[in-house]
Amino acid sequence: MVLAGAGSSDPAALADTERMAGLLAGRLGRPVTPAYLSAATPTPQQAVAALRAAGHPGVALAGYLLSPGFFARRAATTAAAWTTAPLGTHPAVARLVLHRYDEARAATALSRAA
């Protein structure tokens, strides 16, 4: 499996994709290779090709992307046997966004009260 993140020149953003690949590997019980759609390597194309060359014909690509668009289309161009849709429409993502919004509002209210 390959986890394709957007990529960045920011090392923290790249580390986030690597951390998520590790969490996904733990969940699946198999290795997950982080890959990046811009500004870093390996690219999803390189990661999928390397796994296929190593004898894994059924490589899946999970997009670590929130919405359809340029990066999702680029991720879909690999030789992976399966490619996931962006995460943005999943109800768990909406719940997380609302939870983070509520946390930010609460923190703002506390700082104003202090």
N, C-alpha and C. Protein backbone atom coordinates (compact mmCIF):
# COMPACT_ATOMS: atom_id res chain seq x y z
N MET A 1 0.84 -1.17 0.00
CA MET A 1 0.00 0.00 0.00
C MET A 1 0.88 1.23 0.00
N VAL A 2 0.41 2.25 -0.71
CA VAL A 2 1.07 3.56 -0.76
C VAL A 2 0.08 4.59 -0.22
N LEU A 3 0.55 5.47 0.64
CA LEU A 3 -0.26 6.59 1.12
C LEU A 3 0.26 7.85 0.44
N ALA A 4 -0.57 8.46 -0.38
CA ALA A 4 -0.16 9.63 -1.16
C ALA A 4 -0.67 10.92 -0.52
N GLY A 5 0.26 11.69 0.02
CA GLY A 5 -0.06 13.01 0.55
C GLY A 5 0.28 14.08 -0.47
N ALA A 6 -0.18 15.28 -0.22
CA ALA A 6 0.04 16.38 -1.17
C ALA A 6 1.52 16.68 -1.33
N GLY A 7 2.29 16.59 -0.26
CA GLY A 7 3.69 16.96 -0.31
C GLY A 7 3.86 18.42 0.07
N SER A 8 5.08 18.78 0.43
CA SER A 8 5.34 20.14 0.89
C SER A 8 6.84 20.34 1.02
N SER A 9 7.26 21.58 1.06
CA SER A 9 8.66 21.88 1.39
C SER A 9 8.83 21.99 2.90
N ASP A 10 7.73 21.91 3.64
CA ASP A 10 7.75 21.99 5.10
C ASP A 10 7.98 20.59 5.68
N PRO A 11 9.10 20.36 6.36
CA PRO A 11 9.39 19.04 6.92
C PRO A 11 8.29 18.53 7.86
N ALA A 12 7.61 19.42 8.57
CA ALA A 12 6.55 18.98 9.48
C ALA A 12 5.39 18.37 8.71
N ALA A 13 5.06 18.93 7.55
CA ALA A 13 3.98 18.37 6.73
C ALA A 13 4.36 17.00 6.20
N LEU A 14 5.61 16.84 5.79
CA LEU A 14 6.07 15.53 5.32
C LEU A 14 6.05 14.52 6.45
N ALA A 15 6.46 14.95 7.64
CA ALA A 15 6.44 14.06 8.80
C ALA A 15 5.02 13.63 9.14
N ASP A 16 4.05 14.50 8.92
CA ASP A 16 2.65 14.15 9.17
C ASP A 16 2.21 13.02 8.25
N THR A 17 2.58 13.08 6.98
CA THR A 17 2.23 12.00 6.06
C THR A 17 2.92 10.71 6.47
N GLU A 18 4.18 10.79 6.88
CA GLU A 18 4.90 9.60 7.35
C GLU A 18 4.24 9.01 8.59
N ARG A 19 3.83 9.88 9.51
CA ARG A 19 3.16 9.41 10.73
C ARG A 19 1.84 8.73 10.38
N MET A 20 1.08 9.32 9.45
CA MET A 20 -0.19 8.72 9.05
C MET A 20 0.04 7.38 8.36
N ALA A 21 1.10 7.27 7.55
CA ALA A 21 1.42 5.98 6.92
C ALA A 21 1.70 4.92 7.98
N GLY A 22 2.40 5.32 9.03
CA GLY A 22 2.66 4.39 10.13
C GLY A 22 1.39 3.96 10.84
N LEU A 23 0.48 4.90 11.06
CA LEU A 23 -0.79 4.55 11.70
C LEU A 23 -1.61 3.62 10.81
N LEU A 24 -1.62 3.90 9.51
CA LEU A 24 -2.36 3.04 8.58
C LEU A 24 -1.73 1.65 8.53
N ALA A 25 -0.41 1.58 8.54
CA ALA A 25 0.28 0.28 8.55
C ALA A 25 -0.11 -0.53 9.79
N GLY A 26 -0.17 0.13 10.93
CA GLY A 26 -0.58 -0.55 12.15
C GLY A 26 -2.01 -1.06 12.06
N ARG A 27 -2.87 -0.27 11.46
CA ARG A 27 -4.28 -0.65 11.30
C ARG A 27 -4.44 -1.82 10.34
N LEU A 28 -3.66 -1.81 9.25
CA LEU A 28 -3.78 -2.85 8.23
C LEU A 28 -2.94 -4.09 8.51
N GLY A 29 -1.92 -3.93 9.36
CA GLY A 29 -1.02 -5.04 9.63
C GLY A 29 -0.10 -5.36 8.46
N ARG A 30 0.22 -4.34 7.67
CA ARG A 30 1.14 -4.50 6.53
C ARG A 30 1.84 -3.17 6.28
N PRO A 31 2.97 -3.21 5.60
CA PRO A 31 3.71 -1.97 5.36
C PRO A 31 2.94 -0.98 4.48
N VAL A 32 3.13 0.30 4.77
CA VAL A 32 2.56 1.38 3.96
C VAL A 32 3.68 2.36 3.65
N THR A 33 3.85 2.63 2.38
CA THR A 33 4.90 3.54 1.93
C THR A 33 4.33 4.94 1.77
N PRO A 34 4.87 5.94 2.48
CA PRO A 34 4.41 7.32 2.24
C PRO A 34 4.97 7.83 0.92
N ALA A 35 4.16 8.60 0.20
CA ALA A 35 4.58 9.19 -1.07
C ALA A 35 3.98 10.59 -1.15
N TYR A 36 4.51 11.39 -2.07
CA TYR A 36 4.15 12.80 -2.10
C TYR A 36 3.85 13.24 -3.53
N LEU A 37 2.78 13.98 -3.69
CA LEU A 37 2.33 14.43 -5.01
C LEU A 37 3.04 15.69 -5.48
N SER A 38 3.81 16.34 -4.62
CA SER A 38 4.61 17.49 -5.02
C SER A 38 5.70 17.72 -3.98
N ALA A 39 6.78 18.35 -4.40
CA ALA A 39 7.83 18.89 -3.54
C ALA A 39 8.65 17.88 -2.74
N ALA A 40 8.40 16.58 -2.89
CA ALA A 40 9.17 15.59 -2.14
C ALA A 40 9.10 14.25 -2.88
N THR A 41 9.96 13.35 -2.46
CA THR A 41 9.95 12.01 -3.04
C THR A 41 9.90 10.97 -1.94
N PRO A 42 9.44 9.78 -2.25
CA PRO A 42 9.07 9.33 -3.58
C PRO A 42 7.70 9.86 -4.00
N THR A 43 7.52 9.96 -5.29
CA THR A 43 6.19 10.29 -5.80
C THR A 43 5.34 9.03 -5.72
N PRO A 44 4.02 9.15 -5.79
CA PRO A 44 3.18 7.94 -5.82
C PRO A 44 3.55 7.02 -6.98
N GLN A 45 3.86 7.60 -8.15
CA GLN A 45 4.24 6.79 -9.29
C GLN A 45 5.50 5.98 -8.98
N GLN A 46 6.48 6.62 -8.35
CA GLN A 46 7.72 5.92 -8.00
C GLN A 46 7.47 4.84 -6.96
N ALA A 47 6.67 5.15 -5.95
CA ALA A 47 6.40 4.19 -4.88
C ALA A 47 5.64 2.97 -5.40
N VAL A 48 4.63 3.21 -6.23
CA VAL A 48 3.86 2.09 -6.80
C VAL A 48 4.76 1.26 -7.70
N ALA A 49 5.55 1.91 -8.55
CA ALA A 49 6.45 1.18 -9.45
C ALA A 49 7.46 0.33 -8.67
N ALA A 50 7.99 0.88 -7.57
CA ALA A 50 8.96 0.14 -6.77
C ALA A 50 8.31 -1.09 -6.14
N LEU A 51 7.11 -0.95 -5.64
CA LEU A 51 6.42 -2.10 -5.04
C LEU A 51 6.09 -3.16 -6.09
N ARG A 52 5.64 -2.71 -7.25
CA ARG A 52 5.35 -3.66 -8.32
C ARG A 52 6.61 -4.37 -8.78
N ALA A 53 7.72 -3.64 -8.89
CA ALA A 53 9.00 -4.24 -9.29
C ALA A 53 9.49 -5.24 -8.25
N ALA A 54 9.10 -5.03 -6.98
CA ALA A 54 9.48 -5.95 -5.91
C ALA A 54 8.57 -7.17 -5.85
N GLY A 55 7.64 -7.27 -6.80
CA GLY A 55 6.79 -8.47 -6.87
C GLY A 55 5.42 -8.33 -6.26
N HIS A 56 4.96 -7.11 -6.01
CA HIS A 56 3.63 -6.88 -5.45
C HIS A 56 2.70 -6.37 -6.56
N PRO A 57 1.99 -7.27 -7.24
CA PRO A 57 1.17 -6.82 -8.38
C PRO A 57 -0.09 -6.05 -7.96
N GLY A 58 -0.60 -6.32 -6.78
CA GLY A 58 -1.85 -5.69 -6.32
C GLY A 58 -1.61 -4.53 -5.39
N VAL A 59 -0.94 -3.50 -5.84
CA VAL A 59 -0.63 -2.34 -5.00
C VAL A 59 -1.85 -1.42 -4.95
N ALA A 60 -2.21 -1.00 -3.75
CA ALA A 60 -3.30 -0.04 -3.56
C ALA A 60 -2.70 1.32 -3.19
N LEU A 61 -3.37 2.38 -3.61
CA LEU A 61 -2.94 3.73 -3.29
C LEU A 61 -4.06 4.42 -2.52
N ALA A 62 -3.76 4.81 -1.29
CA ALA A 62 -4.71 5.56 -0.47
C ALA A 62 -4.33 7.02 -0.55
N GLY A 63 -5.26 7.84 -0.95
CA GLY A 63 -5.00 9.27 -1.02
C GLY A 63 -5.20 9.92 0.34
N TYR A 64 -4.19 10.64 0.80
CA TYR A 64 -4.28 11.39 2.06
C TYR A 64 -4.60 12.83 1.66
N LEU A 65 -5.79 12.98 1.07
CA LEU A 65 -6.25 14.23 0.48
C LEU A 65 -7.68 14.50 0.93
N LEU A 66 -8.01 15.76 1.13
CA LEU A 66 -9.36 16.09 1.58
C LEU A 66 -10.37 16.26 0.46
N SER A 67 -9.95 16.70 -0.71
CA SER A 67 -10.95 17.03 -1.73
C SER A 67 -10.51 16.57 -3.11
N PRO A 68 -11.48 16.44 -4.00
CA PRO A 68 -11.13 16.15 -5.39
C PRO A 68 -10.40 17.35 -5.99
N GLY A 69 -9.68 17.13 -7.04
CA GLY A 69 -8.97 18.23 -7.69
C GLY A 69 -7.67 17.74 -8.29
N PHE A 70 -6.73 18.68 -8.43
CA PHE A 70 -5.48 18.42 -9.12
C PHE A 70 -4.72 17.24 -8.52
N PHE A 71 -4.51 17.24 -7.20
CA PHE A 71 -3.73 16.17 -6.57
C PHE A 71 -4.45 14.83 -6.65
N ALA A 72 -5.75 14.80 -6.46
CA ALA A 72 -6.50 13.55 -6.56
C ALA A 72 -6.42 12.99 -7.98
N ARG A 73 -6.51 13.86 -8.97
CA ARG A 73 -6.38 13.39 -10.36
C ARG A 73 -4.97 12.86 -10.61
N ARG A 74 -3.97 13.53 -10.07
CA ARG A 74 -2.58 13.07 -10.24
C ARG A 74 -2.40 11.72 -9.56
N ALA A 75 -2.96 11.54 -8.38
CA ALA A 75 -2.84 10.26 -7.66
C ALA A 75 -3.47 9.12 -8.46
N ALA A 76 -4.52 9.42 -9.18
CA ALA A 76 -5.24 8.39 -9.95
C ALA A 76 -4.47 7.94 -11.19
N THR A 77 -3.35 8.60 -11.52
CA THR A 77 -2.60 8.24 -12.72
C THR A 77 -1.52 7.19 -12.47
N THR A 78 -1.41 6.67 -11.27
CA THR A 78 -0.40 5.65 -11.00
C THR A 78 -0.85 4.31 -11.58
N ALA A 79 0.05 3.34 -11.51
CA ALA A 79 -0.27 1.98 -11.95
C ALA A 79 -0.86 1.15 -10.82
N ALA A 80 -1.33 1.81 -9.75
CA ALA A 80 -1.93 1.07 -8.64
C ALA A 80 -3.20 0.35 -9.10
N ALA A 81 -3.43 -0.80 -8.53
CA ALA A 81 -4.64 -1.57 -8.87
C ALA A 81 -5.89 -0.90 -8.33
N TRP A 82 -5.76 -0.20 -7.19
CA TRP A 82 -6.89 0.50 -6.57
C TRP A 82 -6.42 1.86 -6.07
N THR A 83 -7.26 2.86 -6.18
CA THR A 83 -6.98 4.19 -5.66
C THR A 83 -8.21 4.68 -4.93
N THR A 84 -8.03 5.16 -3.71
CA THR A 84 -9.17 5.64 -2.92
C THR A 84 -9.61 7.03 -3.35
N ALA A 85 -10.81 7.36 -2.99
CA ALA A 85 -11.35 8.71 -3.19
C ALA A 85 -10.81 9.62 -2.09
N PRO A 86 -10.85 10.95 -2.29
CA PRO A 86 -10.45 11.88 -1.23
C PRO A 86 -11.30 11.67 0.03
N LEU A 87 -10.74 12.06 1.16
CA LEU A 87 -11.38 11.84 2.46
C LEU A 87 -12.51 12.81 2.79
N GLY A 88 -12.56 13.95 2.15
CA GLY A 88 -13.43 15.05 2.54
C GLY A 88 -14.89 14.76 2.72
N THR A 89 -15.45 13.79 2.01
CA THR A 89 -16.88 13.54 2.12
C THR A 89 -17.23 12.55 3.23
N HIS A 90 -16.24 12.02 3.90
CA HIS A 90 -16.52 11.05 4.96
C HIS A 90 -17.06 11.77 6.19
N PRO A 91 -18.12 11.25 6.82
CA PRO A 91 -18.70 11.91 8.00
C PRO A 91 -17.70 12.10 9.15
N ALA A 92 -16.75 11.21 9.28
CA ALA A 92 -15.77 11.35 10.36
C ALA A 92 -14.92 12.60 10.18
N VAL A 93 -14.64 12.98 8.94
CA VAL A 93 -13.87 14.20 8.69
C VAL A 93 -14.69 15.42 9.11
N ALA A 94 -15.96 15.42 8.76
CA ALA A 94 -16.83 16.54 9.17
C ALA A 94 -16.91 16.64 10.69
N ARG A 95 -17.03 15.50 11.38
CA ARG A 95 -17.06 15.53 12.85
C ARG A 95 -15.77 16.08 13.41
N LEU A 96 -14.63 15.69 12.83
CA LEU A 96 -13.35 16.18 13.31
C LEU A 96 -13.23 17.68 13.11
N VAL A 97 -13.64 18.18 11.96
CA VAL A 97 -13.58 19.63 11.71
C VAL A 97 -14.44 20.37 12.72
N LEU A 98 -15.64 19.90 12.98
CA LEU A 98 -16.51 20.55 13.96
C LEU A 98 -15.92 20.49 15.37
N HIS A 99 -15.33 19.36 15.71
CA HIS A 99 -14.70 19.21 17.03
C HIS A 99 -13.55 20.22 17.19
N ARG A 100 -12.70 20.33 16.17
CA ARG A 100 -11.58 21.27 16.23
C ARG A 100 -12.07 22.72 16.29
N TYR A 101 -13.15 23.01 15.58
CA TYR A 101 -13.74 24.35 15.62
C TYR A 101 -14.23 24.66 17.04
N ASP A 102 -14.93 23.70 17.65
CA ASP A 102 -15.41 23.90 19.02
C ASP A 102 -14.25 24.11 19.99
N GLU A 103 -13.18 23.35 19.82
CA GLU A 103 -11.99 23.52 20.68
C GLU A 103 -11.39 24.91 20.52
N ALA A 104 -11.30 25.37 19.28
CA ALA A 104 -10.72 26.70 19.03
C ALA A 104 -11.59 27.79 19.63
N ARG A 105 -12.89 27.66 19.50
CA ARG A 105 -13.79 28.65 20.09
C ARG A 105 -13.67 28.68 21.59
N ALA A 106 -13.59 27.48 22.22
CA ALA A 106 -13.47 27.41 23.68
C ALA A 106 -12.16 28.04 24.14
N ALA A 107 -11.07 27.77 23.42
CA ALA A 107 -9.77 28.34 23.79
C ALA A 107 -9.80 29.86 23.66
N THR A 108 -10.45 30.36 22.63
CA THR A 108 -10.55 31.81 22.43
C THR A 108 -11.36 32.44 23.56
N ALA A 109 -12.46 31.78 23.93
CA ALA A 109 -13.30 32.30 25.00
C ALA A 109 -12.53 32.33 26.33
N LEU A 110 -11.73 31.30 26.60
CA LEU A 110 -10.93 31.26 27.82
C LEU A 110 -9.88 32.36 27.84
N SER A 111 -9.22 32.59 26.70
CA SER A 111 -8.19 33.62 26.67
C SER A 111 -8.79 35.03 26.83
N ARG A 112 -9.98 35.22 26.33
CA ARG A 112 -10.64 36.53 26.50
C ARG A 112 -11.09 36.76 27.94
N ALA A 113 -11.46 35.67 28.61
CA ALA A 113 -11.93 35.78 29.99
C ALA A 113 -10.78 36.00 30.97
N ALA A 114 -9.58 35.64 30.57
CA ALA A 114 -8.42 35.74 31.48
C ALA A 114 -7.90 37.15 31.62
